[in-house]
Amino acid sequence: MVPRADEWPPVDPSPCADASPCADASPCADASPCVEASPGDGDSRPADEPARPCESQRPDESLRADARRNRARVLEAADAVFIAKGASASTGEIARAAGVGIGTVFRHFPTKEALLQAIVTARMQRLAADAEALIGADDPGATFYTFFERMVEQTATKKVLTDALASAGVDVKSVVAPYADALKRALGELLARAQAAGAVRGDIGIPDVIALLMGAARSAEHATGDREVQIRSLQIVFDGLRPR
């Protein structure tokens, strides 16, 4: 079956430096003029510049500043589009939301799975970094409960992404494991400080917190569109966490 022009093409095992035309939406950055296919990409190079590896295969630190900005815009836009329309959203919708050309999406993320993985790991990285930054907050109790609520919201909206990865045969646990461990450690610190401040029961451990987080996220997903029910359900969980 021939893929639609705005969909990710099949993975091509051939080297990037080929003579294929821009119309094949190849993610390769080779000597061909494909870089001109995406206005605003800012990733053009002189004709005599040596061929480079594909954008998606280079580490972030090696990307030029404009390419890094475009990659970040694609990630942010794709996150919002996938959450709003599901994982079946087209490349064209993502490119339009990001304000870049379709070729830019292909260059950074040659497959939909690569884009989904990048979104999920970016979310986990942000959560872990934010949890670390909150460890020294002035009000440990309020900080713990606020971060708990944020994690519930993130987990509920992330499910469409992780479900799409799982259906594609991707081991989601292995993808998020490095960031999940960092998040778990930081969450443990937030819990310990909240318990020391008398805001959380002393007999609660991280496994309990994670189980409650997952249950609250499923509850929030079930009550999608009814914010009042979501808030009330979360308050019931919080009442169970507070000292008696």
C-alpha atoms as a PDB file:
ATOM      1  CA  MET A   1       0.000   0.000   0.000  1.00  0.00           C
ATOM      2  CA  VAL A   2       1.388   3.431  -0.927  1.00  0.00           C
ATOM      3  CA  PRO A   3       1.568   5.710   2.150  1.00  0.00           C
ATOM      4  CA  ARG A   4      -0.211   9.046   2.079  1.00  0.00           C
ATOM      5  CA  ALA A   5       1.994  12.019   1.316  1.00  0.00           C
ATOM      6  CA  ASP A   6       1.616  13.358   4.844  1.00  0.00           C
ATOM      7  CA  GLU A   7       2.345  10.087   6.643  1.00  0.00           C
ATOM      8  CA  TRP A   8       5.584   8.590   7.871  1.00  0.00           C
ATOM      9  CA  PRO A   9       7.182   6.478   5.114  1.00  0.00           C
ATOM     10  CA  PRO A  10       8.434   2.935   5.712  1.00  0.00           C
ATOM     11  CA  VAL A  11      11.879   2.810   7.287  1.00  0.00           C
ATOM     12  CA  ASP A  12      14.533   2.693   4.555  1.00  0.00           C
ATOM     13  CA  PRO A  13      17.576   0.658   5.587  1.00  0.00           C
ATOM     14  CA  SER A  14      19.701   2.210   2.830  1.00  0.00           C
ATOM     15  CA  PRO A  15      22.318   4.873   3.714  1.00  0.00           C
ATOM     16  CA  CYS A  16      21.142   8.436   4.041  1.00  0.00           C
ATOM     17  CA  ALA A  17      23.354   9.802   1.304  1.00  0.00           C
ATOM     18  CA  ASP A  18      21.420   8.848  -1.779  1.00  0.00           C
ATOM     19  CA  ALA A  19      20.062  10.582  -4.792  1.00  0.00           C
ATOM     20  CA  SER A  20      16.402  10.305  -3.891  1.00  0.00           C
ATOM     21  CA  PRO A  21      14.258  13.384  -4.615  1.00  0.00           C
ATOM     22  CA  CYS A  22      12.593  15.458  -1.950  1.00  0.00           C
ATOM     23  CA  ALA A  23       9.153  14.095  -2.804  1.00  0.00           C
ATOM     24  CA  ASP A  24       9.898  10.814  -1.003  1.00  0.00           C
ATOM     25  CA  ALA A  25       9.786  12.688   2.354  1.00  0.00           C
ATOM     26  CA  SER A  26      13.044  10.986   3.280  1.00  0.00           C
ATOM     27  CA  PRO A  27      14.398  12.042   6.685  1.00  0.00           C
ATOM     28  CA  CYS A  28      17.947  12.052   5.340  1.00  0.00           C
ATOM     29  CA  ALA A  29      20.090  15.149   5.149  1.00  0.00           C
ATOM     30  CA  ASP A  30      22.217  14.374   2.121  1.00  0.00           C
ATOM     31  CA  ALA A  31      23.691  16.173  -0.839  1.00  0.00           C
ATOM     32  CA  SER A  32      20.283  16.404  -2.473  1.00  0.00           C
ATOM     33  CA  PRO A  33      18.342  19.692  -2.101  1.00  0.00           C
ATOM     34  CA  CYS A  34      15.772  18.119   0.243  1.00  0.00           C
ATOM     35  CA  VAL A  35      16.488  20.662   2.954  1.00  0.00           C
ATOM     36  CA  GLU A  36      14.580  23.170   0.837  1.00  0.00           C
ATOM     37  CA  ALA A  37      11.345  21.153   1.140  1.00  0.00           C
ATOM     38  CA  SER A  38      10.488  22.659   4.510  1.00  0.00           C
ATOM     39  CA  PRO A  39      10.288  26.473   4.563  1.00  0.00           C
ATOM     40  CA  GLY A  40      11.422  27.852   7.884  1.00  0.00           C
ATOM     41  CA  ASP A  41      13.404  24.761   8.808  1.00  0.00           C
ATOM     42  CA  GLY A  42      16.587  26.773   8.972  1.00  0.00           C
ATOM     43  CA  ASP A  43      18.610  23.649   8.297  1.00  0.00           C
ATOM     44  CA  SER A  44      20.003  24.385   4.838  1.00  0.00           C
ATOM     45  CA  ARG A  45      23.710  24.065   4.123  1.00  0.00           C
ATOM     46  CA  PRO A  46      26.103  25.167   1.358  1.00  0.00           C
ATOM     47  CA  ALA A  47      26.373  22.837  -1.613  1.00  0.00           C
ATOM     48  CA  ASP A  48      30.023  22.076  -0.831  1.00  0.00           C
ATOM     49  CA  GLU A  49      29.374  21.140   2.810  1.00  0.00           C
ATOM     50  CA  PRO A  50      30.000  17.425   3.561  1.00  0.00           C
ATOM     51  CA  ALA A  51      26.984  15.160   3.946  1.00  0.00           C
ATOM     52  CA  ARG A  52      25.651  14.877   7.494  1.00  0.00           C
ATOM     53  CA  PRO A  53      23.933  12.067   9.367  1.00  0.00           C
ATOM     54  CA  CYS A  54      20.162  12.132   9.689  1.00  0.00           C
ATOM     55  CA  GLU A  55      18.838  14.683  12.188  1.00  0.00           C
ATOM     56  CA  SER A  56      17.060  11.996  14.208  1.00  0.00           C
ATOM     57  CA  GLN A  57      20.324  10.067  14.652  1.00  0.00           C
ATOM     58  CA  ARG A  58      22.354  12.992  15.973  1.00  0.00           C
ATOM     59  CA  PRO A  59      22.370  13.884  19.687  1.00  0.00           C
ATOM     60  CA  ASP A  60      20.614  17.099  20.668  1.00  0.00           C
ATOM     61  CA  GLU A  61      23.871  18.872  21.497  1.00  0.00           C
ATOM     62  CA  SER A  62      25.081  18.462  17.895  1.00  0.00           C
ATOM     63  CA  LEU A  63      22.026  20.064  16.345  1.00  0.00           C
ATOM     64  CA  ARG A  64      22.217  23.649  15.271  1.00  0.00           C
ATOM     65  CA  ALA A  65      20.235  26.071  17.403  1.00  0.00           C
ATOM     66  CA  ASP A  66      17.515  26.567  14.797  1.00  0.00           C
ATOM     67  CA  ALA A  67      17.144  22.818  14.289  1.00  0.00           C
ATOM     68  CA  ARG A  68      16.869  22.316  18.070  1.00  0.00           C
ATOM     69  CA  ARG A  69      14.118  24.928  18.195  1.00  0.00           C
ATOM     70  CA  ASN A  70      12.245  23.218  15.381  1.00  0.00           C
ATOM     71  CA  ARG A  71      12.584  19.840  17.094  1.00  0.00           C
ATOM     72  CA  ALA A  72      11.191  21.300  20.324  1.00  0.00           C
ATOM     73  CA  ARG A  73       8.299  22.911  18.415  1.00  0.00           C
ATOM     74  CA  VAL A  74       7.443  19.612  16.751  1.00  0.00           C
ATOM     75  CA  LEU A  75       7.513  17.797  20.108  1.00  0.00           C
ATOM     76  CA  GLU A  76       5.284  20.360  21.805  1.00  0.00           C
ATOM     77  CA  ALA A  77       2.820  20.472  18.910  1.00  0.00           C
ATOM     78  CA  ALA A  78       2.708  16.682  18.508  1.00  0.00           C
ATOM     79  CA  ASP A  79       2.025  16.234  22.225  1.00  0.00           C
ATOM     80  CA  ALA A  80      -0.974  18.565  22.035  1.00  0.00           C
ATOM     81  CA  VAL A  81      -2.258  17.136  18.732  1.00  0.00           C
ATOM     82  CA  PHE A  82      -2.004  13.507  19.848  1.00  0.00           C
ATOM     83  CA  ILE A  83      -3.777  14.255  23.134  1.00  0.00           C
ATOM     84  CA  ALA A  84      -6.557  16.169  21.364  1.00  0.00           C
ATOM     85  CA  LYS A  85      -7.056  13.892  18.350  1.00  0.00           C
ATOM     86  CA  GLY A  86      -5.480  10.571  19.275  1.00  0.00           C
ATOM     87  CA  ALA A  87      -2.410   8.781  17.962  1.00  0.00           C
ATOM     88  CA  SER A  88      -3.950   8.540  14.482  1.00  0.00           C
ATOM     89  CA  ALA A  89      -3.387  12.277  13.929  1.00  0.00           C
ATOM     90  CA  SER A  90      -1.546  12.953  10.666  1.00  0.00           C
ATOM     91  CA  THR A  91       1.913  14.340  10.118  1.00  0.00           C
ATOM     92  CA  GLY A  92       0.366  17.284   8.321  1.00  0.00           C
ATOM     93  CA  GLU A  93      -1.670  18.270  11.374  1.00  0.00           C
ATOM     94  CA  ILE A  94       1.434  18.136  13.545  1.00  0.00           C
ATOM     95  CA  ALA A  95       3.512  20.146  11.071  1.00  0.00           C
ATOM     96  CA  ARG A  96       0.828  22.838  10.804  1.00  0.00           C
ATOM     97  CA  ALA A  97       0.489  23.074  14.582  1.00  0.00           C
ATOM     98  CA  ALA A  98       4.276  23.389  14.920  1.00  0.00           C
ATOM     99  CA  GLY A  99       4.550  25.924  12.107  1.00  0.00           C
ATOM    100  CA  VAL A 100       7.090  23.839  10.181  1.00  0.00           C
ATOM    101  CA  GLY A 101       7.129  21.826   6.976  1.00  0.00           C
ATOM    102  CA  ILE A 102       6.299  18.127   6.907  1.00  0.00           C
ATOM    103  CA  GLY A 103       9.887  17.397   5.863  1.00  0.00           C
ATOM    104  CA  THR A 104      11.080  18.860   9.166  1.00  0.00           C
ATOM    105  CA  VAL A 105       8.953  16.369  11.097  1.00  0.00           C
ATOM    106  CA  PHE A 106      10.341  13.494   9.025  1.00  0.00           C
ATOM    107  CA  ARG A 107      13.938  14.581   9.484  1.00  0.00           C
ATOM    108  CA  HIS A 108      13.725  14.713  13.261  1.00  0.00           C
ATOM    109  CA  PHE A 109      11.344  11.755  13.661  1.00  0.00           C
ATOM    110  CA  PRO A 110      11.468   9.273  10.761  1.00  0.00           C
ATOM    111  CA  THR A 111       8.726   7.109  12.329  1.00  0.00           C
ATOM    112  CA  LYS A 112       5.645   7.847  14.392  1.00  0.00           C
ATOM    113  CA  GLU A 113       6.988   5.532  17.103  1.00  0.00           C
ATOM    114  CA  ALA A 114      10.147   7.673  17.347  1.00  0.00           C
ATOM    115  CA  LEU A 115       8.015  10.788  17.846  1.00  0.00           C
ATOM    116  CA  LEU A 116       5.792   9.125  20.447  1.00  0.00           C
ATOM    117  CA  GLN A 117       8.832   7.867  22.362  1.00  0.00           C
ATOM    118  CA  ALA A 118      10.366  11.333  22.331  1.00  0.00           C
ATOM    119  CA  ILE A 119       7.159  12.879  23.704  1.00  0.00           C
ATOM    120  CA  VAL A 120       6.834  10.318  26.509  1.00  0.00           C
ATOM    121  CA  THR A 121      10.473  10.566  27.564  1.00  0.00           C
ATOM    122  CA  ALA A 122      10.372  14.382  27.431  1.00  0.00           C
ATOM    123  CA  ARG A 123       7.367  14.351  29.758  1.00  0.00           C
ATOM    124  CA  MET A 124       9.127  12.018  32.185  1.00  0.00           C
ATOM    125  CA  GLN A 125      12.280  14.135  32.104  1.00  0.00           C
ATOM    126  CA  ARG A 126      10.303  17.297  32.900  1.00  0.00           C
ATOM    127  CA  LEU A 127       8.463  15.634  35.772  1.00  0.00           C
ATOM    128  CA  ALA A 128      11.689  14.276  37.276  1.00  0.00           C
ATOM    129  CA  ALA A 129      13.435  17.643  36.943  1.00  0.00           C
ATOM    130  CA  ASP A 130      10.471  19.499  38.456  1.00  0.00           C
ATOM    131  CA  ALA A 131      10.271  17.042  41.365  1.00  0.00           C
ATOM    132  CA  GLU A 132      13.978  17.532  42.050  1.00  0.00           C
ATOM    133  CA  ALA A 133      13.546  21.308  41.995  1.00  0.00           C
ATOM    134  CA  LEU A 134      10.674  21.125  44.515  1.00  0.00           C
ATOM    135  CA  ILE A 135      12.578  19.151  47.149  1.00  0.00           C
ATOM    136  CA  GLY A 136      13.657  22.331  48.951  1.00  0.00           C
ATOM    137  CA  ALA A 137      10.231  24.041  48.807  1.00  0.00           C
ATOM    138  CA  ASP A 138       9.062  25.925  51.909  1.00  0.00           C
ATOM    139  CA  ASP A 139       5.780  24.036  52.410  1.00  0.00           C
ATOM    140  CA  PRO A 140       6.516  20.287  52.040  1.00  0.00           C
ATOM    141  CA  GLY A 141       2.898  19.227  52.498  1.00  0.00           C
ATOM    142  CA  ALA A 142       1.380  21.569  49.914  1.00  0.00           C
ATOM    143  CA  THR A 143       4.267  20.790  47.552  1.00  0.00           C
ATOM    144  CA  PHE A 144       3.666  17.031  47.781  1.00  0.00           C
ATOM    145  CA  TYR A 145      -0.083  17.259  47.162  1.00  0.00           C
ATOM    146  CA  THR A 146       0.291  19.768  44.314  1.00  0.00           C
ATOM    147  CA  PHE A 147       2.876  17.577  42.597  1.00  0.00           C
ATOM    148  CA  PHE A 148       0.705  14.487  43.171  1.00  0.00           C
ATOM    149  CA  GLU A 149      -2.170  16.229  41.382  1.00  0.00           C
ATOM    150  CA  ARG A 150       0.082  17.218  38.505  1.00  0.00           C
ATOM    151  CA  MET A 151       1.307  13.643  38.123  1.00  0.00           C
ATOM    152  CA  VAL A 152      -2.262  12.367  38.036  1.00  0.00           C
ATOM    153  CA  GLU A 153      -3.103  14.786  35.217  1.00  0.00           C
ATOM    154  CA  GLN A 154       0.063  13.879  33.289  1.00  0.00           C
ATOM    155  CA  THR A 155      -0.514  10.149  33.674  1.00  0.00           C
ATOM    156  CA  ALA A 156      -4.123  10.389  32.542  1.00  0.00           C
ATOM    157  CA  THR A 157      -3.248  12.319  29.374  1.00  0.00           C
ATOM    158  CA  LYS A 158      -0.118  10.251  28.677  1.00  0.00           C
ATOM    159  CA  LYS A 159      -2.124   7.042  28.339  1.00  0.00           C
ATOM    160  CA  VAL A 160      -3.062   7.684  24.703  1.00  0.00           C
ATOM    161  CA  LEU A 161       0.653   7.965  23.905  1.00  0.00           C
ATOM    162  CA  THR A 162       1.788   4.883  25.806  1.00  0.00           C
ATOM    163  CA  ASP A 163      -1.112   2.833  24.435  1.00  0.00           C
ATOM    164  CA  ALA A 164      -0.069   3.760  20.895  1.00  0.00           C
ATOM    165  CA  LEU A 165       3.535   2.749  21.605  1.00  0.00           C
ATOM    166  CA  ALA A 166       2.458  -0.551  23.151  1.00  0.00           C
ATOM    167  CA  SER A 167       0.225  -1.344  20.170  1.00  0.00           C
ATOM    168  CA  ALA A 168       3.251  -0.783  17.923  1.00  0.00           C
ATOM    169  CA  GLY A 169       5.198  -3.395  19.882  1.00  0.00           C
ATOM    170  CA  VAL A 170       7.353  -0.943  21.836  1.00  0.00           C
ATOM    171  CA  ASP A 171       8.320  -1.903  25.398  1.00  0.00           C
ATOM    172  CA  VAL A 172       7.133   1.253  27.122  1.00  0.00           C
ATOM    173  CA  LYS A 173       8.639   0.319  30.485  1.00  0.00           C
ATOM    174  CA  SER A 174      12.127   0.090  29.023  1.00  0.00           C
ATOM    175  CA  VAL A 175      11.649   3.414  27.241  1.00  0.00           C
ATOM    176  CA  VAL A 176      10.758   5.320  30.415  1.00  0.00           C
ATOM    177  CA  ALA A 177      12.816   3.296  32.920  1.00  0.00           C
ATOM    178  CA  PRO A 178      15.789   5.716  33.263  1.00  0.00           C
ATOM    179  CA  TYR A 179      13.501   8.685  33.836  1.00  0.00           C
ATOM    180  CA  ALA A 180      11.026   6.735  35.982  1.00  0.00           C
ATOM    181  CA  ASP A 181      13.811   5.832  38.417  1.00  0.00           C
ATOM    182  CA  ALA A 182      14.860   9.470  38.764  1.00  0.00           C
ATOM    183  CA  LEU A 183      11.237  10.526  39.233  1.00  0.00           C
ATOM    184  CA  LYS A 184      10.680   7.833  41.850  1.00  0.00           C
ATOM    185  CA  ARG A 185      13.709   8.992  43.851  1.00  0.00           C
ATOM    186  CA  ALA A 186      12.604  12.627  43.772  1.00  0.00           C
ATOM    187  CA  LEU A 187       9.030  11.674  44.654  1.00  0.00           C
ATOM    188  CA  GLY A 188      10.407   9.704  47.606  1.00  0.00           C
ATOM    189  CA  GLU A 189      12.157  12.842  48.848  1.00  0.00           C
ATOM    190  CA  LEU A 190       8.970  14.894  48.519  1.00  0.00           C
ATOM    191  CA  LEU A 191       7.050  12.220  50.422  1.00  0.00           C
ATOM    192  CA  ALA A 192       9.634  12.013  53.205  1.00  0.00           C
ATOM    193  CA  ARG A 193       9.609  15.792  53.691  1.00  0.00           C
ATOM    194  CA  ALA A 194       5.807  15.893  53.718  1.00  0.00           C
ATOM    195  CA  GLN A 195       5.735  13.117  56.320  1.00  0.00           C
ATOM    196  CA  ALA A 196       8.319  14.908  58.448  1.00  0.00           C
ATOM    197  CA  ALA A 197       6.116  18.003  58.318  1.00  0.00           C
ATOM    198  CA  GLY A 198       3.112  15.973  59.492  1.00  0.00           C
ATOM    199  CA  ALA A 199       1.198  16.424  56.230  1.00  0.00           C
ATOM    200  CA  VAL A 200       1.214  12.754  55.141  1.00  0.00           C
ATOM    201  CA  ARG A 201       0.738   9.576  57.170  1.00  0.00           C
ATOM    202  CA  GLY A 202       3.971   7.986  58.301  1.00  0.00           C
ATOM    203  CA  ASP A 203       2.953   4.468  57.252  1.00  0.00           C
ATOM    204  CA  ILE A 204       2.762   5.379  53.552  1.00  0.00           C
ATOM    205  CA  GLY A 205       5.593   4.349  51.238  1.00  0.00           C
ATOM    206  CA  ILE A 206       6.463   5.055  47.621  1.00  0.00           C
ATOM    207  CA  PRO A 207       4.801   1.825  46.372  1.00  0.00           C
ATOM    208  CA  ASP A 208       1.572   3.007  48.026  1.00  0.00           C
ATOM    209  CA  VAL A 209       1.885   6.465  46.498  1.00  0.00           C
ATOM    210  CA  ILE A 210       2.487   5.072  43.008  1.00  0.00           C
ATOM    211  CA  ALA A 211      -0.484   2.706  43.309  1.00  0.00           C
ATOM    212  CA  LEU A 212      -2.693   5.608  44.400  1.00  0.00           C
ATOM    213  CA  LEU A 213      -1.355   7.753  41.561  1.00  0.00           C
ATOM    214  CA  MET A 214      -2.245   5.118  38.991  1.00  0.00           C
ATOM    215  CA  GLY A 215      -5.706   4.612  40.473  1.00  0.00           C
ATOM    216  CA  ALA A 216      -6.358   8.361  40.613  1.00  0.00           C
ATOM    217  CA  ALA A 217      -5.208   8.717  37.001  1.00  0.00           C
ATOM    218  CA  ARG A 218      -7.656   6.039  35.851  1.00  0.00           C
ATOM    219  CA  SER A 219     -10.390   7.784  37.824  1.00  0.00           C
ATOM    220  CA  ALA A 220      -9.514  11.111  36.166  1.00  0.00           C
ATOM    221  CA  GLU A 221      -9.584   9.446  32.752  1.00  0.00           C
ATOM    222  CA  HIS A 222     -12.988   7.914  33.485  1.00  0.00           C
ATOM    223  CA  ALA A 223     -14.335  11.331  34.544  1.00  0.00           C
ATOM    224  CA  THR A 224     -12.970  13.163  31.494  1.00  0.00           C
ATOM    225  CA  GLY A 225     -15.001  16.311  30.929  1.00  0.00           C
ATOM    226  CA  ASP A 226     -16.298  16.476  34.508  1.00  0.00           C
ATOM    227  CA  ARG A 227     -13.701  18.500  36.397  1.00  0.00           C
ATOM    228  CA  GLU A 228     -15.833  18.576  39.550  1.00  0.00           C
ATOM    229  CA  VAL A 229     -15.818  14.780  39.797  1.00  0.00           C
ATOM    230  CA  GLN A 230     -12.073  14.681  39.107  1.00  0.00           C
ATOM    231  CA  ILE A 231     -11.343  17.146  41.910  1.00  0.00           C
ATOM    232  CA  ARG A 232     -13.660  15.380  44.355  1.00  0.00           C
ATOM    233  CA  SER A 233     -12.091  11.987  43.619  1.00  0.00           C
ATOM    234  CA  LEU A 234      -8.619  13.399  44.156  1.00  0.00           C
ATOM    235  CA  GLN A 235      -9.650  14.950  47.477  1.00  0.00           C
ATOM    236  CA  ILE A 236     -10.846  11.530  48.646  1.00  0.00           C
ATOM    237  CA  VAL A 237      -7.381  10.151  47.891  1.00  0.00           C
ATOM    238  CA  PHE A 238      -5.767  13.061  49.734  1.00  0.00           C
ATOM    239  CA  ASP A 239      -7.989  12.479  52.773  1.00  0.00           C
ATOM    240  CA  GLY A 240      -6.669   8.931  52.889  1.00  0.00           C
ATOM    241  CA  LEU A 241      -3.072  10.140  52.775  1.00  0.00           C
ATOM    242  CA  ARG A 242      -3.393  12.689  55.571  1.00  0.00           C
ATOM    243  CA  PRO A 243      -2.658  11.712  59.189  1.00  0.00           C
ATOM    244  CA  ARG A 244      -5.690  10.595  61.172  1.00  0.00           C
END
